[in-house]
Amino acid sequence: MDVVFCGTPQFAVPTLQALVNAGFRVRLVVTQPDRPSGRGMELAAPPVKQLAQQLGIEVTQPDKIKNNAEFRARLEEIKPEAIVVVGYGRIIPQWMIDLPPLGNINLHGSLLPKYRGAAPVQWAIAMGETVTGVTTMRIDAGLDTGDILLQRELPIVPEDTAITLAPRLAEIGAKLMLETLPGLKAGTITPRKQDNAQASLAPILKKEDGLMDFQGSARKIWNRLRGFQPWPGAYTTFRGKNLNVWAAQPVEESGVGSQESAVAPGELSVDKDRLFVGCGERTALELLIVQPEGKKRMAARDFVHGYHPKTGEQLGTEKHRDTEAQR
């Protein structure tokens, strides 16, 4: 089967590799332009481009695709049976949707219609889901609204962050794509409409999504911290300076944050080498790894010994400042 592959991030790499390994003829890889990256802000190729070059596949990186006559002519020349789209990052125009007989087949990192949008893996964790999965879908003109082809579930374990969950989803998604394309060609897959009433959104993440709101429950804050890795992470302020929180855990047992001795939201409680912060609903969060402004990440015990926080001090009472420089 002749296919064109559109993808950009690491999440798309396993699917491209699986297609090649399975004998699909990937005639062209379409990916985003190289972007500045790292401290030196040097141009870096997207992960999909790097793999395509290793595999000797032609790569194109158009700035725009909707009204790109040269790009359209190249795809019409290839006449792919299907266009595979995984995290490409561009809206697929109607002429491209109409081009291949089997359609534009998207791998999406959620169980649609849940978590339509740019950040499904992150938002599934942030919203406290214990099960997520991947969906292959035939792209239409809407935002992740096309007909569902196949789906696979995957549990979210308490230790998961977006960093650990995304590679597992990418791997099962690659296998699902290898089932989807032959199934479509053979006519053994029956596309089904999405139930829009069950839809939820997973919008692109913003810096402010990482701001810790201690009025929420400890579990809600913990879920967001896990979901929003590596960016925007979770951050607050301590003594007027930014404080990133990289690892924490909700306190379930009686004691700190319990009904008997609740700590006010945002209030610190220091117990020897351990550091807790009060949250909403009379809960508390134990901080495990933190990063003061301008410093490296450190264990909570090192923070306690180095900064000597006092029980009763507040987090998040000062105006938050941008912390891009330390990321």
Protein backbone atom coordinates (compact mmCIF):
# COMPACT_ATOMS: atom_id res chain seq x y z
CA MET A 1 0.00 0.00 0.00
CA ASP A 2 1.34 3.43 -0.96
CA VAL A 3 0.92 5.89 1.91
CA VAL A 4 1.97 9.41 2.84
CA PHE A 5 2.86 9.97 6.49
CA CYS A 6 2.22 13.29 8.25
CA GLY A 7 3.69 13.63 11.73
CA THR A 8 6.06 15.67 13.85
CA PRO A 9 6.69 14.68 17.51
CA GLN A 10 8.21 11.66 19.19
CA PHE A 11 4.69 10.26 19.68
CA ALA A 12 4.48 9.72 15.89
CA VAL A 13 7.83 7.93 15.52
CA PRO A 14 6.69 4.38 16.46
CA THR A 15 3.89 4.48 13.88
CA LEU A 16 6.21 5.53 11.05
CA GLN A 17 8.70 2.84 12.02
CA ALA A 18 5.95 0.20 12.24
CA LEU A 19 4.60 1.08 8.80
CA VAL A 20 8.03 0.70 7.23
CA ASN A 21 8.74 -2.54 9.11
CA ALA A 22 5.40 -3.97 7.97
CA GLY A 23 6.15 -3.30 4.31
CA PHE A 24 4.00 -0.25 3.64
CA ARG A 25 5.48 1.96 0.94
CA VAL A 26 5.85 5.31 2.69
CA ARG A 27 6.35 7.52 -0.35
CA LEU A 28 6.63 10.84 1.47
CA VAL A 29 6.94 12.10 5.05
CA VAL A 30 5.36 15.49 5.78
CA THR A 31 6.49 17.20 8.97
CA GLN A 32 6.76 20.62 10.55
CA PRO A 33 9.70 22.90 9.74
CA ASP A 34 12.80 22.71 11.92
CA ARG A 35 12.47 24.88 15.03
CA PRO A 36 14.94 26.57 17.40
CA SER A 37 15.53 24.37 20.43
CA GLY A 38 17.68 24.16 23.55
CA ARG A 39 19.65 26.84 25.33
CA GLY A 40 21.51 27.75 22.18
CA MET A 41 18.21 27.99 20.24
CA GLU A 42 19.78 26.15 17.31
CA LEU A 43 17.52 24.72 14.62
CA ALA A 44 16.49 21.16 15.45
CA ALA A 45 14.78 18.65 13.18
CA PRO A 46 11.51 17.12 14.42
CA PRO A 47 11.82 13.50 15.62
CA VAL A 48 9.79 12.23 12.63
CA LYS A 49 12.15 13.94 10.19
CA GLN A 50 15.15 12.41 11.91
CA LEU A 51 13.71 8.90 11.55
CA ALA A 52 12.61 9.47 7.95
CA GLN A 53 16.13 10.54 7.01
CA GLN A 54 17.57 7.43 8.68
CA LEU A 55 15.11 5.33 6.65
CA GLY A 56 15.92 7.15 3.41
CA ILE A 57 12.37 8.45 2.92
CA GLU A 58 11.69 11.72 1.10
CA VAL A 59 10.79 14.50 3.56
CA THR A 60 8.93 17.76 2.97
CA GLN A 61 8.39 20.51 5.55
CA PRO A 62 5.91 23.02 4.12
CA ASP A 63 5.11 26.13 6.15
CA LYS A 64 1.53 25.97 4.91
CA ILE A 65 -0.45 23.23 3.20
CA LYS A 66 -3.97 24.54 2.53
CA ASN A 67 -3.16 26.61 -0.56
CA ASN A 68 0.25 25.14 -1.36
CA ALA A 69 0.07 24.26 -5.07
CA GLU A 70 3.48 22.58 -5.15
CA PHE A 71 2.66 20.39 -2.16
CA ARG A 72 -0.75 19.47 -3.59
CA ALA A 73 0.78 18.53 -6.92
CA ARG A 74 3.30 16.24 -5.21
CA LEU A 75 0.59 14.39 -3.28
CA GLU A 76 -1.56 14.07 -6.41
CA GLU A 77 1.46 12.66 -8.23
CA ILE A 78 2.02 10.02 -5.52
CA LYS A 79 -1.69 9.04 -5.44
CA PRO A 80 -1.50 7.47 -1.97
CA GLU A 81 -4.16 4.96 -0.96
CA ALA A 82 -4.14 6.51 2.50
CA ILE A 83 -2.60 9.46 4.31
CA VAL A 84 -1.57 8.60 7.87
CA VAL A 85 -1.62 11.52 10.31
CA VAL A 86 -0.06 11.33 13.79
CA GLY A 87 0.54 14.52 15.72
CA TYR A 88 1.28 16.52 12.60
CA GLY A 89 0.15 19.84 14.08
CA ARG A 90 -1.63 21.28 11.06
CA ILE A 91 -5.31 21.31 10.11
CA ILE A 92 -5.78 18.95 7.15
CA PRO A 93 -7.47 20.86 4.27
CA GLN A 94 -10.47 19.45 2.44
CA TRP A 95 -8.57 18.76 -0.80
CA MET A 96 -6.20 16.55 1.17
CA ILE A 97 -9.08 14.80 2.97
CA ASP A 98 -10.65 13.99 -0.41
CA LEU A 99 -7.46 12.80 -2.11
CA PRO A 100 -6.80 9.20 -0.98
CA PRO A 101 -9.43 6.44 -1.47
CA LEU A 102 -9.08 5.19 2.14
CA GLY A 103 -9.01 8.70 3.58
CA ASN A 104 -6.74 10.48 6.02
CA ILE A 105 -6.31 8.13 8.98
CA ASN A 106 -5.40 9.77 12.28
CA LEU A 107 -3.98 8.16 15.41
CA HIS A 108 -5.28 10.08 18.42
CA GLY A 109 -4.02 9.64 21.98
CA SER A 110 -7.36 9.20 23.74
CA LEU A 111 -10.55 7.19 23.63
CA LEU A 112 -12.57 9.51 21.43
CA PRO A 113 -14.88 11.34 21.77
CA LYS A 114 -13.10 12.03 25.08
CA TYR A 115 -10.25 14.54 24.99
CA ARG A 116 -10.46 15.97 21.52
CA GLY A 117 -7.67 18.44 20.88
CA ALA A 118 -3.94 19.04 21.07
CA ALA A 119 -3.10 17.58 24.50
CA PRO A 120 -5.18 14.43 25.12
CA VAL A 121 -2.51 12.53 27.06
CA GLN A 122 -1.88 15.41 29.45
CA TRP A 123 -5.52 16.22 30.11
CA ALA A 124 -6.55 12.60 30.68
CA ILE A 125 -4.09 12.40 33.58
CA ALA A 126 -4.89 15.91 34.80
CA MET A 127 -8.59 15.07 35.00
CA GLY A 128 -7.93 11.99 37.11
CA GLU A 129 -8.72 9.30 34.54
CA THR A 130 -7.57 5.78 35.40
CA VAL A 131 -8.05 4.43 31.88
CA THR A 132 -7.24 6.03 28.55
CA GLY A 133 -6.23 4.65 25.17
CA VAL A 134 -5.77 5.35 21.48
CA THR A 135 -8.17 5.74 18.59
CA THR A 136 -7.73 5.47 14.85
CA MET A 137 -10.11 7.84 13.16
CA ARG A 138 -10.93 8.99 9.63
CA ILE A 139 -10.28 12.74 9.55
CA ASP A 140 -13.11 15.07 8.58
CA ALA A 141 -13.39 18.87 8.62
CA GLY A 142 -13.94 19.06 12.41
CA LEU A 143 -11.53 18.91 15.35
CA ASP A 144 -11.08 15.19 16.04
CA THR A 145 -14.73 14.61 15.13
CA GLY A 146 -14.29 11.99 12.38
CA ASP A 147 -15.60 8.44 12.36
CA ILE A 148 -13.95 6.05 14.81
CA LEU A 149 -12.24 3.02 13.23
CA LEU A 150 -10.51 1.08 16.02
CA GLN A 151 -9.70 1.70 19.69
CA ARG A 152 -7.47 0.19 22.39
CA GLU A 153 -7.57 0.91 26.11
CA LEU A 154 -4.59 1.42 28.39
CA PRO A 155 -4.62 1.85 32.18
CA ILE A 156 -3.17 4.95 33.80
CA VAL A 157 -1.25 3.94 36.93
CA PRO A 158 -0.70 6.31 39.89
CA GLU A 159 3.00 6.65 39.05
CA ASP A 160 2.26 7.80 35.50
CA THR A 161 3.03 11.26 34.19
CA ALA A 162 2.49 12.45 30.64
CA ILE A 163 6.16 11.64 30.05
CA THR A 164 5.75 7.95 30.99
CA LEU A 165 2.28 7.43 29.53
CA ALA A 166 2.79 8.91 26.07
CA PRO A 167 5.40 6.34 24.89
CA ARG A 168 3.14 3.44 25.89
CA LEU A 169 0.23 4.98 24.03
CA ALA A 170 2.46 5.57 21.00
CA GLU A 171 3.48 1.91 20.91
CA ILE A 172 -0.03 0.47 21.09
CA GLY A 173 -1.13 3.14 18.64
CA ALA A 174 1.45 2.00 16.11
CA LYS A 175 0.11 -1.55 16.34
CA LEU A 176 -3.45 -0.29 16.01
CA MET A 177 -2.56 1.57 12.80
CA LEU A 178 -1.17 -1.68 11.37
CA GLU A 179 -4.58 -3.26 12.00
CA THR A 180 -6.55 -0.27 10.74
CA LEU A 181 -5.10 0.20 7.25
CA PRO A 182 -5.46 -3.43 6.04
CA GLY A 183 -8.88 -3.62 7.70
CA LEU A 184 -10.07 -0.57 5.82
CA LYS A 185 -8.74 -1.91 2.53
CA ALA A 186 -10.38 -5.30 3.12
CA GLY A 187 -13.66 -3.71 4.20
CA THR A 188 -13.65 -5.48 7.57
CA ILE A 189 -13.80 -2.28 9.64
CA THR A 190 -17.11 -0.49 10.07
CA PRO A 191 -16.55 3.20 10.83
CA ARG A 192 -18.82 4.52 13.59
CA LYS A 193 -19.94 8.04 14.32
CA GLN A 194 -18.76 9.75 17.47
CA ASP A 195 -21.32 10.61 20.15
CA ASN A 196 -20.79 14.36 20.39
CA ALA A 197 -22.75 14.45 23.66
CA GLN A 198 -19.92 12.48 25.28
CA ALA A 199 -17.15 14.70 23.92
CA SER A 200 -14.63 16.53 26.09
CA LEU A 201 -11.81 18.86 25.08
CA ALA A 202 -8.05 18.71 25.62
CA PRO A 203 -6.91 22.18 24.54
CA ILE A 204 -3.29 23.14 23.95
CA LEU A 205 -1.55 23.74 27.26
CA LYS A 206 -0.82 27.26 28.48
CA LYS A 207 1.74 28.46 31.00
CA GLU A 208 -0.98 29.33 33.52
CA ASP A 209 -2.29 25.74 33.52
CA GLY A 210 0.70 24.89 35.71
CA LEU A 211 -0.17 27.41 38.47
CA MET A 212 -1.02 25.44 41.61
CA ASP A 213 -4.41 26.33 43.08
CA PHE A 214 -4.37 25.18 46.68
CA GLN A 215 -8.11 25.70 46.99
CA GLY A 216 -8.48 22.48 45.01
CA SER A 217 -8.12 19.08 46.64
CA ALA A 218 -4.68 17.51 46.99
CA ARG A 219 -5.64 14.79 44.53
CA LYS A 220 -6.78 17.32 41.93
CA ILE A 221 -3.51 19.27 42.25
CA TRP A 222 -1.50 16.01 42.12
CA ASN A 223 -3.27 14.87 38.95
CA ARG A 224 -2.51 18.16 37.22
CA LEU A 225 1.13 18.01 38.33
CA ARG A 226 1.43 14.52 36.79
CA GLY A 227 -0.40 15.45 33.62
CA PHE A 228 1.44 18.67 32.89
CA GLN A 229 4.93 17.18 32.62
CA PRO A 230 7.34 18.31 31.30
CA TRP A 231 5.53 21.62 30.60
CA PRO A 232 4.02 23.72 32.07
CA GLY A 233 4.70 21.58 35.14
CA ALA A 234 3.42 22.78 38.52
CA TYR A 235 4.55 26.00 40.13
CA THR A 236 3.77 28.37 42.97
CA THR A 237 5.72 30.97 44.98
CA PHE A 238 7.68 30.79 48.23
CA ARG A 239 8.89 33.96 49.94
CA GLY A 240 8.15 35.97 46.82
CA LYS A 241 10.08 33.78 44.42
CA ASN A 242 8.96 31.06 42.06
CA LEU A 243 8.94 27.48 43.27
CA ASN A 244 8.44 24.59 40.86
CA VAL A 245 7.09 21.34 42.25
CA TRP A 246 8.23 18.30 40.28
CA ALA A 247 6.98 15.45 42.47
CA ALA A 248 4.40 15.26 45.24
CA GLN A 249 1.82 12.91 46.67
CA PRO A 250 -1.58 13.45 48.27
CA VAL A 251 -1.77 12.65 51.96
CA GLU A 252 -4.46 10.04 52.56
CA GLU A 253 -3.74 8.99 56.13
CA SER A 254 -4.98 10.89 59.17
CA GLY A 255 -2.71 13.61 60.47
CA VAL A 256 -1.68 16.47 58.21
CA GLY A 257 -4.74 17.74 56.42
CA SER A 258 -7.09 15.43 58.30
CA GLN A 259 -10.42 16.51 59.69
CA GLU A 260 -8.86 16.88 63.15
CA SER A 261 -5.82 18.94 62.18
CA ALA A 262 -6.48 20.45 58.79
CA VAL A 263 -3.86 22.78 57.36
CA ALA A 264 -5.23 25.85 55.59
CA PRO A 265 -4.93 25.88 51.78
CA GLY A 266 -1.44 27.02 50.78
CA GLU A 267 -0.10 26.76 54.34
CA LEU A 268 3.10 24.81 54.92
CA SER A 269 3.56 22.17 57.58
CA VAL A 270 7.08 20.94 58.32
CA ASP A 271 7.53 17.55 59.99
CA LYS A 272 11.25 16.88 60.47
CA ASP A 273 12.52 16.30 56.90
CA ARG A 274 9.06 16.22 55.35
CA LEU A 275 7.17 19.11 53.82
CA PHE A 276 3.41 19.37 53.43
CA VAL A 277 1.08 22.02 52.06
CA GLY A 278 -2.58 22.36 52.89
CA CYS A 279 -5.13 22.02 50.08
CA GLY A 280 -8.87 22.33 49.68
CA GLU A 281 -11.43 19.89 51.08
CA ARG A 282 -9.25 19.50 54.22
CA THR A 283 -6.57 17.60 52.32
CA ALA A 284 -2.81 18.02 52.10
CA LEU A 285 -0.05 17.42 49.57
CA GLU A 286 3.40 16.18 50.52
CA LEU A 287 6.04 17.91 48.40
CA LEU A 288 8.79 15.49 47.32
CA ILE A 289 10.93 17.26 44.71
CA VAL A 290 11.00 21.04 44.35
CA GLN A 291 13.01 23.63 42.45
CA PRO A 292 13.49 27.10 43.91
CA GLU A 293 13.91 29.94 41.45
CA GLY A 294 17.37 29.88 39.86
CA LYS A 295 18.33 26.59 41.52
CA LYS A 296 18.45 22.93 40.53
CA ARG A 297 15.78 20.43 41.50
CA MET A 298 16.16 19.10 45.02
CA ALA A 299 14.52 16.65 47.39
CA ALA A 300 12.13 18.17 49.91
CA ARG A 301 14.48 17.28 52.78
CA ASP A 302 17.28 19.30 51.16
CA PHE A 303 14.90 22.21 50.68
CA VAL A 304 13.89 21.99 54.36
CA HIS A 305 17.53 21.98 55.47
CA GLY A 306 18.61 24.72 53.06
CA TYR A 307 15.69 27.16 53.24
CA HIS A 308 14.32 26.38 56.72
CA PRO A 309 10.64 26.84 55.86
CA LYS A 310 8.45 27.27 58.94
CA THR A 311 5.12 25.65 59.68
CA GLY A 312 2.47 28.24 58.91
CA GLU A 313 4.33 29.94 56.06
CA GLN A 314 2.29 30.34 52.90
CA LEU A 315 2.85 29.21 49.32
CA GLY A 316 1.38 31.10 46.42
CA THR A 317 0.64 34.40 48.12
CA GLU A 318 2.93 36.48 45.93
CA LYS A 319 2.39 37.37 42.29
CA HIS A 320 3.80 34.62 40.10
CA ARG A 321 6.57 35.46 37.70
CA ASP A 322 7.44 33.69 34.49
CA THR A 323 9.94 30.86 35.01
CA GLU A 324 10.76 30.02 31.42
CA ALA A 325 14.44 30.80 31.99
CA GLN A 326 14.93 27.91 34.38
CA ARG A 327 13.10 25.35 32.24
